[in-house]
Amino acid sequence: MTGVDIDARIASLVARVETLEAEADIRRIQARYMFLCDTPCPEPGLADDAERIERIVDLYTDDAVWEGVGEYYDGQFGRAEGKQAIREHFQRFWGEKRDPALLLNAHYLTSEQIHVDGDRAEGQWIHMQPWLFDDGTALLRSSRLNNAFRKDNGRWRITRTRTENVFIAPLPTGFAESYPSSSVLMG
């Protein structure tokens, strides 16, 4: 093997390792986003929903877009452009009293695909999410996610969250008989 072959092989290995590291970082960012959106929020040391929102917004680039698309989510979620609009989107979700009140939701991701191209990447997932309300009702949501990411000052961040409804299914009243009012696992 010549010096040129070795250099080319090392460069190829470095590129592969960088791609694997990017995929791992993106996977962690997407999982962290979902974790912070769970109710009750399992994040230790979180003072309130305002702090939760700031931790979510910190995952995004300044020019990021959050949008619901398709015949169901388009009208329900709309489009938020930039960190302040994304912050306001989440403030509407957690800042307004709802009846019935949401007691529990948990985000599950599956069918992951991450495609890295240098300092940019896209990821697709299918998402399942049970919702339990204080009146005993419950539903199961499923959506597709098509998100984009960019390396920003050496850190991967979300540049686009795009979600499209797959289905929403009502669950039987009293579907879940035991669930926590807060998370202690991560504390």
C-alpha atoms as a PDB file:
ATOM      1  CA  MET A   1       0.000   0.000   0.000  1.00  0.00           C
ATOM      2  CA  THR A   2       1.338   3.420  -0.945  1.00  0.00           C
ATOM      3  CA  GLY A   3       1.211   6.620   1.095  1.00  0.00           C
ATOM      4  CA  VAL A   4      -1.510   7.944  -1.225  1.00  0.00           C
ATOM      5  CA  ASP A   5      -3.647   4.834  -0.633  1.00  0.00           C
ATOM      6  CA  ILE A   6      -3.217   5.142   3.126  1.00  0.00           C
ATOM      7  CA  ASP A   7      -4.107   8.857   3.071  1.00  0.00           C
ATOM      8  CA  ALA A   8      -7.206   8.152   0.984  1.00  0.00           C
ATOM      9  CA  ARG A   9      -8.227   5.331   3.290  1.00  0.00           C
ATOM     10  CA  ILE A  10      -7.753   7.503   6.397  1.00  0.00           C
ATOM     11  CA  ALA A  11      -9.763  10.320   4.791  1.00  0.00           C
ATOM     12  CA  SER A  12     -12.535   7.852   3.968  1.00  0.00           C
ATOM     13  CA  LEU A  13     -12.580   6.530   7.538  1.00  0.00           C
ATOM     14  CA  VAL A  14     -12.655  10.062   8.978  1.00  0.00           C
ATOM     15  CA  ALA A  15     -15.620  10.948   6.751  1.00  0.00           C
ATOM     16  CA  ARG A  16     -17.470   7.786   7.820  1.00  0.00           C
ATOM     17  CA  VAL A  17     -16.820   8.463  11.517  1.00  0.00           C
ATOM     18  CA  GLU A  18     -17.995  12.079  11.121  1.00  0.00           C
ATOM     19  CA  THR A  19     -21.216  10.834   9.474  1.00  0.00           C
ATOM     20  CA  LEU A  20     -21.810   8.319  12.281  1.00  0.00           C
ATOM     21  CA  GLU A  21     -21.188  11.014  14.911  1.00  0.00           C
ATOM     22  CA  ALA A  22     -23.593  13.367  13.120  1.00  0.00           C
ATOM     23  CA  GLU A  23     -26.289  10.669  13.035  1.00  0.00           C
ATOM     24  CA  ALA A  24     -25.804  10.023  16.766  1.00  0.00           C
ATOM     25  CA  ASP A  25     -25.999  13.765  17.573  1.00  0.00           C
ATOM     26  CA  ILE A  26     -29.149  14.168  15.462  1.00  0.00           C
ATOM     27  CA  ARG A  27     -30.734  11.128  17.086  1.00  0.00           C
ATOM     28  CA  ARG A  28     -30.013  12.648  20.535  1.00  0.00           C
ATOM     29  CA  ILE A  29     -31.446  16.046  19.529  1.00  0.00           C
ATOM     30  CA  GLN A  30     -34.657  14.507  18.188  1.00  0.00           C
ATOM     31  CA  ALA A  31     -35.037  12.302  21.269  1.00  0.00           C
ATOM     32  CA  ARG A  32     -34.374  15.285  23.569  1.00  0.00           C
ATOM     33  CA  TYR A  33     -37.038  17.316  21.781  1.00  0.00           C
ATOM     34  CA  MET A  34     -39.576  14.504  22.302  1.00  0.00           C
ATOM     35  CA  PHE A  35     -38.472  14.028  25.918  1.00  0.00           C
ATOM     36  CA  LEU A  36     -39.017  17.731  26.654  1.00  0.00           C
ATOM     37  CA  CYS A  37     -42.480  17.572  25.056  1.00  0.00           C
ATOM     38  CA  ASP A  38     -43.652  14.683  27.293  1.00  0.00           C
ATOM     39  CA  THR A  39     -46.259  15.324  30.011  1.00  0.00           C
ATOM     40  CA  PRO A  40     -45.420  15.190  32.815  1.00  0.00           C
ATOM     41  CA  CYS A  41     -42.032  16.447  31.669  1.00  0.00           C
ATOM     42  CA  PRO A  42     -39.342  14.049  32.962  1.00  0.00           C
ATOM     43  CA  GLU A  43     -36.553  16.681  32.783  1.00  0.00           C
ATOM     44  CA  PRO A  44     -34.886  17.026  36.208  1.00  0.00           C
ATOM     45  CA  GLY A  45     -34.578  20.496  37.729  1.00  0.00           C
ATOM     46  CA  LEU A  46     -37.110  22.052  35.385  1.00  0.00           C
ATOM     47  CA  ALA A  47     -38.726  25.010  37.163  1.00  0.00           C
ATOM     48  CA  ASP A  48     -41.797  25.402  34.939  1.00  0.00           C
ATOM     49  CA  ASP A  49     -43.140  25.221  31.388  1.00  0.00           C
ATOM     50  CA  ALA A  50     -41.441  28.527  30.485  1.00  0.00           C
ATOM     51  CA  GLU A  51     -38.064  26.917  31.190  1.00  0.00           C
ATOM     52  CA  ARG A  52     -39.137  23.785  29.300  1.00  0.00           C
ATOM     53  CA  ILE A  53     -39.981  25.946  26.282  1.00  0.00           C
ATOM     54  CA  GLU A  54     -36.583  27.669  26.406  1.00  0.00           C
ATOM     55  CA  ARG A  55     -34.830  24.292  26.448  1.00  0.00           C
ATOM     56  CA  ILE A  56     -36.856  23.234  23.405  1.00  0.00           C
ATOM     57  CA  VAL A  57     -36.177  26.505  21.560  1.00  0.00           C
ATOM     58  CA  ASP A  58     -32.441  26.093  22.266  1.00  0.00           C
ATOM     59  CA  LEU A  59     -32.493  22.978  20.045  1.00  0.00           C
ATOM     60  CA  TYR A  60     -33.356  25.167  17.001  1.00  0.00           C
ATOM     61  CA  THR A  61     -31.355  27.459  14.736  1.00  0.00           C
ATOM     62  CA  ASP A  62     -32.362  31.133  14.612  1.00  0.00           C
ATOM     63  CA  ASP A  63     -33.962  30.672  11.167  1.00  0.00           C
ATOM     64  CA  ALA A  64     -35.771  27.399  11.965  1.00  0.00           C
ATOM     65  CA  VAL A  65     -39.313  26.513  10.877  1.00  0.00           C
ATOM     66  CA  TRP A  66     -41.858  24.422  12.828  1.00  0.00           C
ATOM     67  CA  GLU A  67     -44.918  23.390  10.835  1.00  0.00           C
ATOM     68  CA  GLY A  68     -47.829  21.054  10.683  1.00  0.00           C
ATOM     69  CA  VAL A  69     -48.671  20.006   7.120  1.00  0.00           C
ATOM     70  CA  GLY A  70     -51.346  18.009   5.355  1.00  0.00           C
ATOM     71  CA  GLU A  71     -55.115  18.078   5.490  1.00  0.00           C
ATOM     72  CA  TYR A  72     -55.306  17.672   9.278  1.00  0.00           C
ATOM     73  CA  TYR A  73     -52.217  19.328  10.802  1.00  0.00           C
ATOM     74  CA  ASP A  74     -52.088  22.307   8.436  1.00  0.00           C
ATOM     75  CA  GLY A  75     -55.050  23.990  10.106  1.00  0.00           C
ATOM     76  CA  GLN A  76     -54.313  22.680  13.604  1.00  0.00           C
ATOM     77  CA  PHE A  77     -50.654  23.645  13.968  1.00  0.00           C
ATOM     78  CA  GLY A  78     -49.842  26.074  11.151  1.00  0.00           C
ATOM     79  CA  ARG A  79     -46.316  27.357  10.552  1.00  0.00           C
ATOM     80  CA  ALA A  80     -43.869  29.135  12.878  1.00  0.00           C
ATOM     81  CA  GLU A  81     -40.751  30.754  11.394  1.00  0.00           C
ATOM     82  CA  GLY A  82     -37.821  31.719  13.635  1.00  0.00           C
ATOM     83  CA  LYS A  83     -37.098  31.044  17.298  1.00  0.00           C
ATOM     84  CA  GLN A  84     -39.549  33.635  18.636  1.00  0.00           C
ATOM     85  CA  ALA A  85     -42.439  32.233  16.588  1.00  0.00           C
ATOM     86  CA  ILE A  86     -41.512  28.699  17.683  1.00  0.00           C
ATOM     87  CA  ARG A  87     -41.420  29.904  21.311  1.00  0.00           C
ATOM     88  CA  GLU A  88     -44.893  31.440  20.889  1.00  0.00           C
ATOM     89  CA  HIS A  89     -46.191  28.186  19.351  1.00  0.00           C
ATOM     90  CA  PHE A  90     -45.159  26.260  22.474  1.00  0.00           C
ATOM     91  CA  GLN A  91     -46.387  29.013  24.803  1.00  0.00           C
ATOM     92  CA  ARG A  92     -49.862  28.588  23.280  1.00  0.00           C
ATOM     93  CA  PHE A  93     -49.681  24.846  23.860  1.00  0.00           C
ATOM     94  CA  TRP A  94     -48.524  24.930  27.497  1.00  0.00           C
ATOM     95  CA  GLY A  95     -49.605  28.422  28.475  1.00  0.00           C
ATOM     96  CA  GLU A  96     -53.349  28.086  27.928  1.00  0.00           C
ATOM     97  CA  LYS A  97     -55.641  26.227  30.328  1.00  0.00           C
ATOM     98  CA  ARG A  98     -57.337  23.362  28.524  1.00  0.00           C
ATOM     99  CA  ASP A  99     -60.485  21.493  29.396  1.00  0.00           C
ATOM    100  CA  PRO A 100     -60.071  18.609  29.702  1.00  0.00           C
ATOM    101  CA  ALA A 101     -56.539  19.020  31.041  1.00  0.00           C
ATOM    102  CA  LEU A 102     -53.765  16.875  29.599  1.00  0.00           C
ATOM    103  CA  LEU A 103     -52.420  14.554  32.295  1.00  0.00           C
ATOM    104  CA  LEU A 104     -50.014  12.438  30.309  1.00  0.00           C
ATOM    105  CA  ASN A 105     -48.512  12.086  26.894  1.00  0.00           C
ATOM    106  CA  ALA A 106     -45.413  10.223  25.836  1.00  0.00           C
ATOM    107  CA  HIS A 107     -43.609  10.348  22.490  1.00  0.00           C
ATOM    108  CA  TYR A 108     -42.404   7.174  20.778  1.00  0.00           C
ATOM    109  CA  LEU A 109     -40.279   7.316  17.614  1.00  0.00           C
ATOM    110  CA  THR A 110     -39.815   4.532  15.099  1.00  0.00           C
ATOM    111  CA  SER A 111     -38.848   3.889  11.443  1.00  0.00           C
ATOM    112  CA  GLU A 112     -35.857   6.216  11.707  1.00  0.00           C
ATOM    113  CA  GLN A 113     -33.967   7.396   8.653  1.00  0.00           C
ATOM    114  CA  ILE A 114     -31.150   9.958   8.952  1.00  0.00           C
ATOM    115  CA  HIS A 115     -29.327  11.260   5.884  1.00  0.00           C
ATOM    116  CA  VAL A 116     -26.200  13.365   6.512  1.00  0.00           C
ATOM    117  CA  ASP A 117     -24.652  15.561   3.826  1.00  0.00           C
ATOM    118  CA  GLY A 118     -21.705  17.430   5.341  1.00  0.00           C
ATOM    119  CA  ASP A 119     -23.021  20.033   7.799  1.00  0.00           C
ATOM    120  CA  ARG A 120     -26.663  19.429   6.840  1.00  0.00           C
ATOM    121  CA  ALA A 121     -28.957  16.490   7.394  1.00  0.00           C
ATOM    122  CA  GLU A 122     -32.549  15.327   7.155  1.00  0.00           C
ATOM    123  CA  GLY A 123     -34.329  12.791   9.308  1.00  0.00           C
ATOM    124  CA  GLN A 124     -37.638  10.994   9.032  1.00  0.00           C
ATOM    125  CA  TRP A 125     -39.517   9.173  11.761  1.00  0.00           C
ATOM    126  CA  ILE A 126     -42.967   7.851  12.518  1.00  0.00           C
ATOM    127  CA  HIS A 127     -44.233   9.066  15.844  1.00  0.00           C
ATOM    128  CA  MET A 128     -46.823   7.532  18.186  1.00  0.00           C
ATOM    129  CA  GLN A 129     -48.200   9.430  21.147  1.00  0.00           C
ATOM    130  CA  PRO A 130     -50.878   8.438  23.682  1.00  0.00           C
ATOM    131  CA  TRP A 131     -52.766  11.353  25.306  1.00  0.00           C
ATOM    132  CA  LEU A 132     -54.602  10.930  28.631  1.00  0.00           C
ATOM    133  CA  PHE A 133     -56.955  13.649  29.913  1.00  0.00           C
ATOM    134  CA  ASP A 134     -58.345  14.409  33.362  1.00  0.00           C
ATOM    135  CA  ASP A 135     -61.913  13.556  32.312  1.00  0.00           C
ATOM    136  CA  GLY A 136     -60.903   9.926  31.642  1.00  0.00           C
ATOM    137  CA  THR A 137     -60.764  10.270  27.850  1.00  0.00           C
ATOM    138  CA  ALA A 138     -57.707   9.235  25.877  1.00  0.00           C
ATOM    139  CA  LEU A 139     -56.493   9.150  22.296  1.00  0.00           C
ATOM    140  CA  LEU A 140     -53.603   7.820  20.283  1.00  0.00           C
ATOM    141  CA  ARG A 141     -51.921  10.071  17.720  1.00  0.00           C
ATOM    142  CA  SER A 142     -49.535   9.038  14.991  1.00  0.00           C
ATOM    143  CA  SER A 143     -47.637  11.348  12.689  1.00  0.00           C
ATOM    144  CA  ARG A 144     -44.776  11.380  10.236  1.00  0.00           C
ATOM    145  CA  LEU A 145     -41.864  13.692  10.934  1.00  0.00           C
ATOM    146  CA  ASN A 146     -39.634  15.100   8.216  1.00  0.00           C
ATOM    147  CA  ASN A 147     -37.036  17.238   9.963  1.00  0.00           C
ATOM    148  CA  ALA A 148     -33.892  19.055   8.883  1.00  0.00           C
ATOM    149  CA  PHE A 149     -30.725  19.789  10.837  1.00  0.00           C
ATOM    150  CA  ARG A 150     -27.606  21.934  10.405  1.00  0.00           C
ATOM    151  CA  LYS A 151     -24.307  22.106  12.221  1.00  0.00           C
ATOM    152  CA  ASP A 152     -24.340  25.567  13.805  1.00  0.00           C
ATOM    153  CA  ASN A 153     -21.099  26.738  15.488  1.00  0.00           C
ATOM    154  CA  GLY A 154     -19.997  23.125  15.911  1.00  0.00           C
ATOM    155  CA  ARG A 155     -23.347  21.940  17.318  1.00  0.00           C
ATOM    156  CA  TRP A 156     -26.137  20.186  15.449  1.00  0.00           C
ATOM    157  CA  ARG A 157     -29.478  22.016  15.687  1.00  0.00           C
ATOM    158  CA  ILE A 158     -32.926  21.625  14.179  1.00  0.00           C
ATOM    159  CA  THR A 159     -33.668  23.847  11.176  1.00  0.00           C
ATOM    160  CA  ARG A 160     -37.069  22.376  10.352  1.00  0.00           C
ATOM    161  CA  THR A 161     -39.681  20.370  12.190  1.00  0.00           C
ATOM    162  CA  ARG A 162     -42.409  19.223   9.819  1.00  0.00           C
ATOM    163  CA  THR A 163     -45.177  16.945  11.049  1.00  0.00           C
ATOM    164  CA  GLU A 164     -48.045  15.324   9.158  1.00  0.00           C
ATOM    165  CA  ASN A 165     -50.928  13.367  10.679  1.00  0.00           C
ATOM    166  CA  VAL A 166     -51.126   9.627  10.021  1.00  0.00           C
ATOM    167  CA  PHE A 167     -54.127   9.014  12.294  1.00  0.00           C
ATOM    168  CA  ILE A 168     -55.836   9.974  15.529  1.00  0.00           C
ATOM    169  CA  ALA A 169     -57.763   7.223  17.309  1.00  0.00           C
ATOM    170  CA  PRO A 170     -59.934   7.683  20.374  1.00  0.00           C
ATOM    171  CA  LEU A 171     -59.148   5.159  23.077  1.00  0.00           C
ATOM    172  CA  PRO A 172     -61.744   3.690  25.456  1.00  0.00           C
ATOM    173  CA  THR A 173     -62.684   5.850  28.460  1.00  0.00           C
ATOM    174  CA  GLY A 174     -60.474   4.874  31.383  1.00  0.00           C
ATOM    175  CA  PHE A 175     -57.940   3.392  28.931  1.00  0.00           C
ATOM    176  CA  ALA A 176     -55.069   3.819  31.391  1.00  0.00           C
ATOM    177  CA  GLU A 177     -55.737   3.063  35.020  1.00  0.00           C
ATOM    178  CA  SER A 178     -52.390   4.052  36.523  1.00  0.00           C
ATOM    179  CA  TYR A 179     -49.992   6.790  35.466  1.00  0.00           C
ATOM    180  CA  PRO A 180     -47.683   9.193  37.311  1.00  0.00           C
ATOM    181  CA  SER A 181     -48.473  12.803  38.177  1.00  0.00           C
ATOM    182  CA  SER A 182     -44.754  13.601  37.894  1.00  0.00           C
ATOM    183  CA  SER A 183     -41.565  11.849  36.843  1.00  0.00           C
ATOM    184  CA  VAL A 184     -39.021  10.845  39.480  1.00  0.00           C
ATOM    185  CA  LEU A 185     -36.921   8.518  37.329  1.00  0.00           C
ATOM    186  CA  MET A 186     -34.624  11.201  35.924  1.00  0.00           C
ATOM    187  CA  GLY A 187     -34.347  13.304  39.143  1.00  0.00           C
END
